[in-house]
Amino acid sequence: MRVPQIGVLALQGDVADHARAVEAAGGRPVPVRRASELDSVEGLVIPGGESTTMSHLLRVFELFDPIAKRLDAGMPAFGSCAGMIMLASDVLDGRPDQRSFGAIPMTVRRNAFGRQVDSFEAEIDLDGLDGGPFRGVFIRAPWVERVGEGVEVIGRVSSGDSGPEGPGGRIVAVRAGACLATSFHPEVTDDARVHRYFVDMVRRSGAGEAD
């Protein structure tokens, strides 16, 4: 089976655990800190961290536009937590100077589940993922408030608050074309199924290959 090269954006966040999970899922992880390193990868993982800081660092390292160009060309991408925010078209409770790639037509609310002390774990049924529920780890996690055309909701969890939520709870996992996003951190578990799902997406995508 082909082993695709999967970039892991290495400016901030849980880079090492994502690289470990990509390898466990059958991919070859490649740290990406420069535009030249992006050229060799077929897909990109955008880790959790702090989305406003990540947005700033992407500009400082002159990576924002090269990544946006590859995403527009169809490169597969997987964003977890802050990575989900970076892939969204609209961000609520962000800073005015914060930028996101707009690769998934959805509205995401930053820190929606609360602060660090409100971190929690929950069993999530993810559409398309065999093997039973996935143990999701939520750390200052966002949720998706609205999805646009072509976005498939693949996972929900109850928020435990009194606000309005859709049937089954808040949206915490989505897929749109070649892009996958979760508001939880699959990389901090020993379960590589989400990363395997993404590696399989990359294998099936010819559009994500570097020129």
Protein backbone atom coordinates (compact mmCIF):
# COMPACT_ATOMS: atom_id res chain seq x y z
CA MET A 1 0.00 0.00 0.00
CA ARG A 2 1.30 3.44 -0.93
CA VAL A 3 2.66 5.51 1.97
CA PRO A 4 1.70 9.15 1.30
CA GLN A 5 3.76 12.04 2.65
CA ILE A 6 1.59 13.99 5.07
CA GLY A 7 2.71 17.42 6.22
CA VAL A 8 2.20 18.45 9.83
CA LEU A 9 2.18 22.23 10.24
CA ALA A 10 4.96 22.68 12.80
CA LEU A 11 4.62 26.30 13.91
CA GLN A 12 2.69 25.64 17.11
CA GLY A 13 0.61 23.00 18.83
CA ASP A 14 0.77 19.24 19.32
CA VAL A 15 3.03 18.53 16.35
CA ALA A 16 4.84 15.46 17.72
CA ASP A 17 1.65 13.58 18.62
CA HIS A 18 0.11 14.29 15.21
CA ALA A 19 3.28 13.03 13.51
CA ARG A 20 3.15 9.86 15.62
CA ALA A 21 -0.53 9.34 14.75
CA VAL A 22 0.08 9.91 11.01
CA GLU A 23 2.82 7.28 11.07
CA ALA A 24 0.61 4.84 12.99
CA ALA A 25 -2.10 5.43 10.37
CA GLY A 26 0.18 4.48 7.48
CA GLY A 27 1.46 7.89 6.37
CA ARG A 28 4.92 9.44 6.38
CA PRO A 29 4.85 12.63 8.51
CA VAL A 30 6.80 15.67 7.29
CA PRO A 31 7.15 18.75 9.53
CA VAL A 32 6.21 21.91 7.61
CA ARG A 33 7.71 25.21 8.73
CA ARG A 34 8.61 26.70 5.34
CA ALA A 35 6.89 26.97 1.98
CA SER A 36 9.58 24.78 0.40
CA GLU A 37 8.70 21.93 2.79
CA LEU A 38 5.06 22.19 1.73
CA ASP A 39 6.05 21.30 -1.84
CA SER A 40 6.81 17.67 -0.97
CA VAL A 41 3.55 16.76 0.80
CA GLU A 42 0.26 15.37 -0.50
CA GLY A 43 -1.87 16.42 2.47
CA LEU A 44 -1.55 18.66 5.52
CA VAL A 45 -2.47 18.29 9.20
CA ILE A 46 -3.11 21.56 11.05
CA PRO A 47 -2.74 20.85 14.78
CA GLY A 48 -4.48 22.35 17.76
CA GLY A 49 -2.90 25.23 19.62
CA GLU A 50 -3.99 28.86 19.70
CA SER A 51 -5.65 29.93 16.47
CA THR A 52 -4.84 33.65 16.72
CA THR A 53 -1.17 32.87 17.35
CA MET A 54 -1.17 30.34 14.53
CA SER A 55 -2.68 32.90 12.15
CA HIS A 56 0.07 35.37 13.12
CA LEU A 57 2.88 32.82 12.73
CA LEU A 58 1.61 31.75 9.31
CA ARG A 59 2.07 35.33 8.14
CA VAL A 60 5.46 35.73 9.84
CA PHE A 61 6.80 32.55 8.21
CA GLU A 62 5.14 33.47 4.87
CA LEU A 63 3.18 30.23 4.84
CA PHE A 64 -0.40 31.47 4.77
CA ASP A 65 -0.62 32.18 1.03
CA PRO A 66 1.25 29.01 -0.10
CA ILE A 67 -1.03 26.83 2.03
CA ALA A 68 -4.13 28.69 0.81
CA LYS A 69 -3.02 28.11 -2.78
CA ARG A 70 -2.56 24.37 -2.22
CA LEU A 71 -5.93 24.12 -0.47
CA ASP A 72 -7.60 25.92 -3.37
CA ALA A 73 -5.95 23.38 -5.70
CA GLY A 74 -7.52 20.51 -3.75
CA MET A 75 -4.83 19.43 -1.29
CA PRO A 76 -6.43 17.34 1.47
CA ALA A 77 -6.23 18.87 4.95
CA PHE A 78 -7.16 17.78 8.45
CA GLY A 79 -7.54 20.35 11.21
CA SER A 80 -8.03 19.49 14.90
CA CYS A 81 -9.27 22.08 17.44
CA ALA A 82 -7.44 25.29 16.39
CA GLY A 83 -6.86 23.56 13.05
CA MET A 84 -10.63 23.35 12.61
CA ILE A 85 -10.81 27.11 13.21
CA MET A 86 -8.07 27.70 10.63
CA LEU A 87 -10.02 25.76 7.98
CA ALA A 88 -13.33 27.59 8.61
CA SER A 89 -14.81 30.28 6.42
CA ASP A 90 -16.18 32.24 9.42
CA VAL A 91 -14.86 32.48 12.99
CA LEU A 92 -16.83 33.80 15.96
CA ASP A 93 -15.11 35.24 19.05
CA GLY A 94 -11.83 35.63 17.19
CA ARG A 95 -9.58 38.67 16.92
CA PRO A 96 -10.25 41.23 14.16
CA ASP A 97 -6.85 40.56 12.56
CA GLN A 98 -7.26 36.78 12.66
CA ARG A 99 -7.26 35.01 9.28
CA SER A 100 -8.50 31.57 8.33
CA PHE A 101 -8.23 29.61 5.11
CA GLY A 102 -11.96 29.34 4.36
CA ALA A 103 -11.47 25.82 3.00
CA ILE A 104 -14.67 24.57 4.69
CA PRO A 105 -17.84 26.68 4.43
CA MET A 106 -18.77 26.69 8.11
CA THR A 107 -19.03 29.03 11.08
CA VAL A 108 -16.90 28.01 14.06
CA ARG A 109 -16.98 29.51 17.56
CA ARG A 110 -13.64 29.68 19.37
CA ASN A 111 -13.38 28.24 22.92
CA ALA A 112 -17.07 27.38 22.71
CA PHE A 113 -16.92 24.56 25.27
CA GLY A 114 -15.17 26.77 27.82
CA ARG A 115 -11.68 27.38 29.14
CA GLN A 116 -8.89 24.94 30.00
CA VAL A 117 -10.58 23.95 33.27
CA ASP A 118 -13.67 22.93 31.29
CA SER A 119 -11.78 20.29 29.28
CA PHE A 120 -13.58 16.96 29.03
CA GLU A 121 -13.72 13.64 27.19
CA ALA A 122 -16.72 12.08 25.44
CA GLU A 123 -17.60 9.07 23.33
CA ILE A 124 -18.48 10.19 19.80
CA ASP A 125 -20.09 8.21 16.98
CA LEU A 126 -18.28 9.30 13.82
CA ASP A 127 -19.92 8.55 10.48
CA GLY A 128 -17.58 6.58 8.23
CA LEU A 129 -15.39 5.40 11.10
CA ASP A 130 -15.63 1.69 11.88
CA GLY A 131 -14.89 0.14 15.25
CA GLY A 132 -17.40 1.84 17.53
CA PRO A 133 -17.39 5.27 19.23
CA PHE A 134 -14.25 7.39 19.31
CA ARG A 135 -13.01 8.84 22.61
CA GLY A 136 -12.83 12.57 21.93
CA VAL A 137 -10.61 14.81 24.07
CA PHE A 138 -11.86 18.42 24.17
CA ILE A 139 -9.43 21.13 25.35
CA ARG A 140 -10.62 24.75 25.02
CA ALA A 141 -12.47 23.34 22.05
CA PRO A 142 -14.51 25.12 19.38
CA TRP A 143 -17.77 23.89 17.96
CA VAL A 144 -19.42 24.41 14.58
CA GLU A 145 -22.49 26.63 14.71
CA ARG A 146 -23.44 26.48 11.03
CA VAL A 147 -22.39 24.51 7.99
CA GLY A 148 -22.68 25.54 4.37
CA GLU A 149 -23.38 23.66 1.17
CA GLY A 150 -21.35 20.51 0.66
CA VAL A 151 -20.34 20.10 4.31
CA GLU A 152 -21.07 16.69 5.83
CA VAL A 153 -21.58 16.58 9.59
CA ILE A 154 -19.92 13.37 10.78
CA GLY A 155 -19.89 13.84 14.57
CA ARG A 156 -21.83 15.56 17.36
CA VAL A 157 -21.61 15.75 21.15
CA SER A 158 -23.88 17.23 23.82
CA SER A 159 -22.54 20.54 25.09
CA GLY A 160 -24.33 20.31 28.43
CA ASP A 161 -25.51 23.92 28.23
CA SER A 162 -28.94 25.42 27.74
CA GLY A 163 -28.19 26.92 24.33
CA PRO A 164 -29.77 25.68 21.13
CA GLU A 165 -28.11 22.71 19.52
CA GLY A 166 -29.04 20.41 16.69
CA PRO A 167 -30.37 16.87 17.07
CA GLY A 168 -27.64 14.84 18.77
CA GLY A 169 -25.76 17.83 20.13
CA ARG A 170 -23.12 20.28 18.94
CA ILE A 171 -21.28 19.68 15.68
CA VAL A 172 -17.70 18.59 16.44
CA ALA A 173 -16.57 16.78 13.27
CA VAL A 174 -17.13 17.64 9.62
CA ARG A 175 -15.92 16.74 6.17
CA ALA A 176 -16.12 18.87 3.04
CA GLY A 177 -14.53 17.45 -0.10
CA ALA A 178 -10.84 16.92 0.63
CA CYS A 179 -10.97 18.59 4.05
CA LEU A 180 -11.64 17.02 7.44
CA ALA A 181 -11.95 18.84 10.77
CA THR A 182 -12.57 17.89 14.39
CA SER A 183 -12.97 20.13 17.42
CA PHE A 184 -11.38 17.43 19.60
CA HIS A 185 -7.78 16.12 19.73
CA PRO A 186 -7.54 12.57 18.30
CA GLU A 187 -3.73 12.78 18.36
CA VAL A 188 -3.54 12.60 22.17
CA THR A 189 -5.17 9.15 22.24
CA ASP A 190 -3.77 5.78 21.17
CA ASP A 191 -6.61 5.45 18.64
CA ALA A 192 -5.33 6.23 15.12
CA ARG A 193 -8.66 5.76 13.33
CA VAL A 194 -9.28 9.45 12.58
CA HIS A 195 -5.77 9.84 11.18
CA ARG A 196 -6.20 6.61 9.21
CA TYR A 197 -9.42 8.04 7.77
CA PHE A 198 -7.47 11.13 6.68
CA VAL A 199 -4.52 9.17 5.27
CA ASP A 200 -7.02 7.16 3.20
CA MET A 201 -8.51 10.45 1.96
CA VAL A 202 -5.04 11.52 0.81
CA ARG A 203 -4.42 8.19 -0.92
CA ARG A 204 -7.65 8.59 -2.88
CA SER A 205 -6.94 12.20 -3.86
CA GLY A 206 -4.88 12.89 -6.94
CA ALA A 207 -5.55 16.63 -6.68
CA GLY A 208 -3.59 16.93 -3.45
CA GLU A 209 -0.26 15.94 -4.95
CA ALA A 210 2.42 18.61 -5.17
CA ASP A 211 3.21 20.07 -8.59
